[in-house]
Protein backbone atom coordinates (compact mmCIF):
# COMPACT_ATOMS: atom_id res chain seq x y z
CA MET A 1 27.05 -9.01 -8.26
CA THR A 2 29.83 -10.64 -5.79
CA VAL A 3 28.91 -9.65 -2.02
CA ARG A 4 32.00 -9.99 0.28
CA GLU A 5 31.04 -10.25 4.20
CA PHE A 6 29.80 -6.82 5.56
CA ARG A 7 32.41 -3.46 5.96
CA VAL A 8 31.26 0.13 6.24
CA SER A 9 34.43 1.28 5.02
CA ARG A 10 33.39 -0.68 1.52
CA LEU A 11 29.99 1.01 1.09
CA PRO A 12 29.33 4.73 -0.95
CA THR A 13 30.88 7.40 1.13
CA VAL A 14 27.66 9.27 1.65
CA LEU A 15 25.88 6.19 3.25
CA GLN A 16 28.74 5.36 5.55
CA PRO A 17 27.62 7.27 8.43
CA LEU A 18 24.22 6.58 8.02
CA THR A 19 24.30 2.61 7.90
CA ALA A 20 26.80 3.07 11.01
CA GLU A 21 24.13 4.70 13.05
CA ALA A 22 21.44 3.05 11.89
CA ILE A 23 23.26 -0.58 12.76
CA ALA A 24 24.00 1.04 16.21
CA LEU A 25 20.48 2.58 16.74
CA ALA A 26 18.83 -1.03 16.07
CA LEU A 27 21.60 -2.80 18.18
CA ASP A 28 20.95 -0.36 21.07
CA ALA A 29 17.00 -0.25 20.73
CA GLY A 30 17.21 -4.40 20.43
CA ARG A 31 19.18 -4.30 23.82
CA ILE A 32 15.99 -2.29 25.37
CA LEU A 33 13.78 -4.86 24.09
CA ARG A 34 15.81 -8.12 25.33
CA ARG A 35 16.10 -6.52 28.52
CA ARG A 36 12.24 -5.87 29.32
CA PHE A 37 11.18 -9.11 27.48
CA ARG A 38 9.07 -11.36 29.52
CA THR A 39 8.91 -8.62 32.20
CA ALA A 40 5.88 -6.96 33.82
CA VAL A 41 5.81 -4.39 30.88
CA GLN A 42 3.12 -1.92 30.67
CA VAL A 43 0.68 -2.67 27.92
CA THR A 44 -1.73 -0.15 26.14
CA LEU A 45 -4.41 -0.67 23.61
CA LYS A 46 -4.28 2.09 20.89
CA GLY A 47 -6.58 0.57 18.38
CA PRO A 48 -8.62 -2.49 17.37
CA ALA A 49 -6.14 -5.32 17.63
CA ASP A 50 -3.14 -3.08 18.35
CA VAL A 51 -1.25 -2.58 21.36
CA VAL A 52 1.73 -0.54 22.27
CA THR A 53 4.37 -1.19 25.10
CA ALA A 54 6.27 0.91 27.36
CA ALA A 55 9.03 -0.69 25.70
CA ASP A 56 8.37 0.73 22.14
CA ILE A 57 8.19 3.85 23.63
CA GLU A 58 11.81 3.58 25.43
CA ALA A 59 13.03 2.09 22.48
CA GLN A 60 11.60 5.00 20.02
CA SER A 61 12.63 7.86 22.36
CA LEU A 62 16.30 6.38 22.42
CA ILE A 63 16.14 6.20 18.38
CA VAL A 64 15.07 9.82 17.92
CA ARG A 65 16.74 11.54 20.29
CA ARG A 66 20.15 10.32 19.02
CA LEU A 67 18.41 10.82 15.37
CA ARG A 68 17.88 14.45 16.27
CA ARG A 69 21.08 15.18 17.77
CA ARG A 70 23.47 13.67 14.74
CA PHE A 71 21.03 14.14 11.81
CA PRO A 72 18.84 17.22 12.74
CA ALA A 73 18.45 18.26 8.91
CA HIS A 74 16.69 14.28 8.43
CA GLY A 75 12.88 13.93 8.42
CA ILE A 76 11.93 11.02 11.18
CA LEU A 77 8.71 8.65 10.68
CA ALA A 78 8.50 6.66 13.46
CA GLU A 79 5.47 4.07 14.19
CA GLU A 80 4.40 5.39 17.90
CA GLY A 81 3.24 8.72 16.69
CA LEU A 82 5.94 10.49 14.89
CA ASP A 83 5.80 12.24 11.51
CA ALA A 84 8.41 14.91 10.71
CA THR A 85 9.33 14.40 7.34
CA ALA A 86 8.01 17.64 5.63
CA GLY A 87 10.74 19.24 2.98
CA THR A 88 13.53 16.70 3.78
CA GLU A 89 15.71 14.89 1.09
CA TRP A 90 16.81 12.25 3.70
CA ARG A 91 13.89 10.21 6.09
CA TRP A 92 14.60 7.94 8.60
CA ILE A 93 11.70 5.39 8.87
CA VAL A 94 11.55 3.41 12.26
CA ASP A 95 9.69 0.46 14.03
CA PRO A 96 11.43 0.27 17.34
CA LEU A 97 9.37 -2.97 17.81
CA ASP A 98 7.63 -4.87 15.29
CA GLY A 99 5.82 -7.74 16.56
CA THR A 100 4.49 -6.06 19.78
CA LYS A 101 1.88 -8.42 20.52
CA ASN A 102 4.63 -11.19 20.20
CA PHE A 103 6.57 -9.38 22.86
CA ALA A 104 3.56 -8.32 25.22
CA ARG A 105 3.00 -12.52 25.49
CA GLY A 106 6.50 -13.21 25.88
CA ILE A 107 6.80 -14.74 22.38
CA PRO A 108 10.18 -14.53 21.01
CA SER A 109 9.77 -13.25 17.54
CA PHE A 110 10.33 -9.28 16.81
CA CYS A 111 12.37 -6.82 15.90
CA VAL A 112 13.75 -3.54 15.45
CA SER A 113 13.47 -2.07 12.02
CA ILE A 114 15.11 1.47 10.64
CA ALA A 115 15.16 2.39 7.09
CA VAL A 116 16.89 5.49 5.50
CA GLU A 117 14.78 7.14 2.48
CA ARG A 118 16.59 9.66 0.00
CA GLU A 119 13.78 11.34 -1.96
CA GLY A 120 11.48 8.63 -1.76
CA ARG A 121 13.98 5.89 -2.11
CA VAL A 122 15.24 3.42 0.14
CA GLU A 123 19.00 3.19 0.82
CA VAL A 124 19.60 1.49 3.79
CA GLY A 125 17.55 -1.18 5.59
CA VAL A 126 18.74 -2.79 9.01
CA VAL A 127 16.36 -4.97 10.98
CA ASP A 128 17.74 -6.69 14.36
CA ASP A 129 16.14 -9.72 16.01
CA PRO A 130 17.84 -9.38 19.67
CA VAL A 131 16.52 -12.34 21.18
CA HIS A 132 18.12 -14.67 18.30
CA GLU A 133 21.18 -12.01 18.17
CA GLU A 134 20.66 -11.90 14.20
CA LEU A 135 21.34 -8.32 12.24
CA PHE A 136 19.81 -7.74 9.13
CA VAL A 137 21.57 -5.03 6.99
CA ALA A 138 21.02 -3.96 3.74
CA VAL A 139 22.60 -1.07 1.23
CA ARG A 140 21.02 -0.13 -1.97
CA GLY A 141 23.42 -1.66 -5.12
CA ALA A 142 25.85 -3.36 -2.31
CA GLY A 143 24.01 -6.46 -1.08
CA ALA A 144 22.25 -7.78 2.14
CA TRP A 145 23.98 -9.52 5.08
CA CYS A 146 22.88 -11.27 8.41
CA ASN A 147 25.79 -10.58 11.36
CA GLY A 148 28.15 -8.92 8.71
CA ARG A 149 27.71 -12.63 6.21
CA PRO A 150 26.41 -12.21 2.99
CA ILE A 151 22.84 -13.72 2.00
CA ARG A 152 20.47 -14.64 -0.70
CA VAL A 153 17.31 -16.05 -1.34
CA SER A 154 16.36 -19.76 -2.04
CA GLU A 155 16.41 -21.44 -5.14
CA VAL A 156 12.77 -22.96 -5.01
CA SER A 157 11.13 -22.65 -8.19
CA ALA A 158 7.46 -24.07 -8.09
CA LEU A 159 4.91 -22.88 -5.45
CA GLU A 160 3.88 -26.23 -4.12
CA ALA A 161 7.33 -26.73 -2.58
CA ALA A 162 7.46 -22.88 -1.30
CA PHE A 163 7.37 -22.19 2.24
CA LEU A 164 5.36 -19.10 2.69
CA GLY A 165 5.39 -16.42 5.48
CA THR A 166 1.71 -13.90 5.95
CA GLY A 167 0.39 -11.82 8.87
CA LEU A 168 -2.77 -10.39 9.86
CA PRO A 169 -3.53 -6.86 9.34
CA HIS A 170 -4.43 -4.93 12.30
CA ARG A 171 -7.92 -3.42 10.16
CA VAL A 172 -8.54 -7.52 9.68
CA GLY A 173 -12.23 -6.87 10.15
CA ARG A 174 -12.28 -4.71 6.61
CA PHE A 175 -10.60 -7.89 5.11
CA ALA A 176 -11.97 -10.58 6.39
CA GLY A 177 -12.67 -12.36 3.05
CA PRO A 178 -9.63 -11.59 1.03
CA VAL A 179 -7.44 -12.41 3.58
CA GLY A 180 -9.27 -15.69 4.38
CA ARG A 181 -9.55 -16.90 0.99
CA THR A 182 -6.03 -16.01 0.17
CA PHE A 183 -4.83 -18.12 3.09
CA THR A 184 -6.68 -20.85 2.47
CA ARG A 185 -5.52 -21.14 -1.33
CA PHE A 186 -1.54 -20.82 -0.40
CA ALA A 187 -1.94 -23.38 2.35
CA THR A 188 -3.58 -25.69 -0.06
CA CYS A 189 -1.02 -25.02 -2.86
CA SER A 190 2.31 -24.57 -0.89
CA LEU A 191 4.76 -26.54 1.31
CA GLY A 192 2.81 -24.10 4.05
CA VAL A 193 2.22 -20.85 5.49
CA ARG A 194 3.28 -19.34 8.82
CA ASP A 195 1.85 -15.98 10.26
CA ARG A 196 4.79 -15.23 12.86
CA GLY A 197 3.14 -11.80 13.21
CA ALA A 198 6.50 -9.55 12.67
CA GLY A 199 6.20 -8.88 9.31
CA ALA A 200 9.84 -6.95 9.07
CA LEU A 201 11.76 -10.37 10.42
CA ASP A 202 9.45 -12.14 7.83
CA LEU A 203 11.04 -10.54 5.07
CA CYS A 204 14.50 -11.10 6.33
CA TYR A 205 13.40 -14.73 6.23
CA VAL A 206 12.71 -14.45 2.77
CA ALA A 207 16.14 -12.71 2.19
CA CYS A 208 17.98 -15.70 3.74
CA GLY A 209 16.01 -18.36 2.37
CA ARG A 210 14.17 -19.40 5.30
CA PHE A 211 10.85 -18.52 3.67
CA ASP A 212 10.82 -18.88 -0.50
CA GLY A 213 7.58 -15.91 -0.22
CA TYR A 214 5.62 -13.56 1.73
CA TRP A 215 2.48 -12.00 1.50
CA GLU A 216 0.52 -9.26 3.36
CA ILE A 217 -1.91 -6.45 3.12
CA ASP A 218 -2.62 -3.23 5.04
CA GLN A 219 0.55 -2.62 6.15
CA SER A 220 2.45 0.70 7.18
CA PRO A 221 5.88 1.76 5.70
CA TRP A 222 7.99 1.30 8.97
CA ASP A 223 6.58 -2.66 8.77
CA VAL A 224 8.30 -3.38 5.18
CA ALA A 225 10.65 -0.65 4.27
CA ALA A 226 13.97 -1.94 5.85
CA GLY A 227 12.66 -5.22 5.07
CA GLY A 228 11.72 -4.69 1.12
CA LEU A 229 15.10 -3.30 0.59
CA ILE A 230 16.70 -6.20 2.27
CA VAL A 231 14.85 -8.76 -0.09
CA GLU A 232 15.76 -7.05 -3.14
CA GLU A 233 19.25 -6.56 -2.68
CA ALA A 234 19.82 -10.40 -1.46
CA GLY A 235 18.45 -11.23 -5.36
CA GLY A 236 14.66 -11.46 -4.09
CA LEU A 237 11.70 -9.71 -5.93
CA MET A 238 9.09 -7.03 -3.75
CA SER A 239 5.98 -5.89 -5.82
CA ASP A 240 2.31 -4.85 -5.11
CA PHE A 241 -0.35 -7.74 -5.33
CA ARG A 242 -0.72 -7.03 -9.13
CA GLY A 243 2.90 -7.23 -9.65
CA GLY A 244 3.24 -3.72 -9.98
CA PRO A 245 6.29 -1.73 -8.34
CA PHE A 246 6.99 -2.17 -4.54
CA ASP A 247 5.95 0.78 -2.73
CA SER A 248 6.49 1.08 1.11
CA PHE A 249 3.86 3.35 1.43
CA GLY A 250 1.39 1.27 -0.77
CA GLY A 251 -0.15 -1.23 1.64
CA GLU A 252 0.36 -4.65 -0.43
CA THR A 253 3.21 -6.64 0.25
CA VAL A 254 4.52 -9.22 -2.03
CA ALA A 255 7.85 -10.75 -1.66
CA SER A 256 9.88 -13.91 -3.06
CA ASN A 257 13.06 -15.47 -4.56
CA GLY A 258 11.68 -14.31 -7.80
CA LYS A 259 11.40 -17.86 -9.22
CA ILE A 260 7.80 -18.22 -7.59
CA HIS A 261 6.79 -14.55 -7.98
CA ASP A 262 4.35 -15.07 -10.67
CA GLN A 263 2.80 -17.97 -9.10
CA ILE A 264 2.35 -16.02 -6.00
CA LEU A 265 0.56 -13.12 -8.21
CA ALA A 266 -1.48 -15.92 -9.75
CA VAL A 267 -3.23 -17.12 -6.23
CA LEU A 268 -3.74 -13.38 -5.52
CA ALA A 269 -5.19 -12.71 -8.80
CA MET A 270 -7.71 -15.64 -8.09
CA PRO A 271 -11.38 -14.04 -7.67
CA GLY A 272 -11.97 -12.51 -4.56
CA GLY A 273 -8.25 -12.32 -3.28
CA VAL A 274 -7.63 -8.74 -3.60
CA PRO A 275 -9.90 -6.16 -1.40
CA LYS A 276 -11.94 -4.03 -4.10
CA ARG A 277 -11.60 0.10 -3.44
CA TYR A 278 -8.92 -0.46 -1.01
CA ARG A 279 -6.68 2.26 0.12
CA PRO A 280 -3.46 2.13 2.34
CA PRO A 281 -3.01 3.23 6.22
CA LEU A 282 -0.72 5.98 5.43
CA ARG A 283 -0.06 7.94 2.46
CA ARG A 284 3.15 9.09 1.28
CA ARG A 285 3.53 12.45 1.91
């Protein structure tokens, strides 16, 4: 598939208003984050190793208010305590600020992530990095773009030459053993591993070839729904830890350029690398 520069008018008709609105919302929420970044923003602890800021709340309120006005029949699943999903064909999956801890500490690695599902399948994914002014967009069957230009995964074919991303889950205490073992294994058999603290943005980095692969355990759907589609539409591969179909509600994320995917899975399959009796943080409804 040859992907041209991004134009909403080139997309399937049913997805044009959804994509345009997702982009507008991501950019507007990103402006809120950029305006509040490195200011005296209020930070609240909402769980072990998990925080929320006033910027999260303001950005999500903007997104939800406009979605309810523009698409009142659509469901919305958002990180900051909103699950209005029952009986809807279309559902928006929203993370108003992925990388909250980075944001709260003045570290410029965070983003807005918005996905649109139709009957359980993500059709549109948008991720905005407001600090670096990069907007990633993907539409199922149409391609993936950064700032309007097509993006593609890398061509690296050997794990020892691969640059990898990962992240620590909020419930890291439950998975300390497997997480520590797999991190050590990948760090010793790859070009390097980075935990940048914003999973949605890391997936976009796989999609545009900055990372060659990525893995993480215990993620919620708003962390990976948009980024997962962006990887796939950029020619990459998504799966769970065993190579099964990727599900944004499954809690297991493996993303790659496709060429090193089996090599990543082989490392994860080493003894003690996958938590036993794992249950993801959120079940699909």
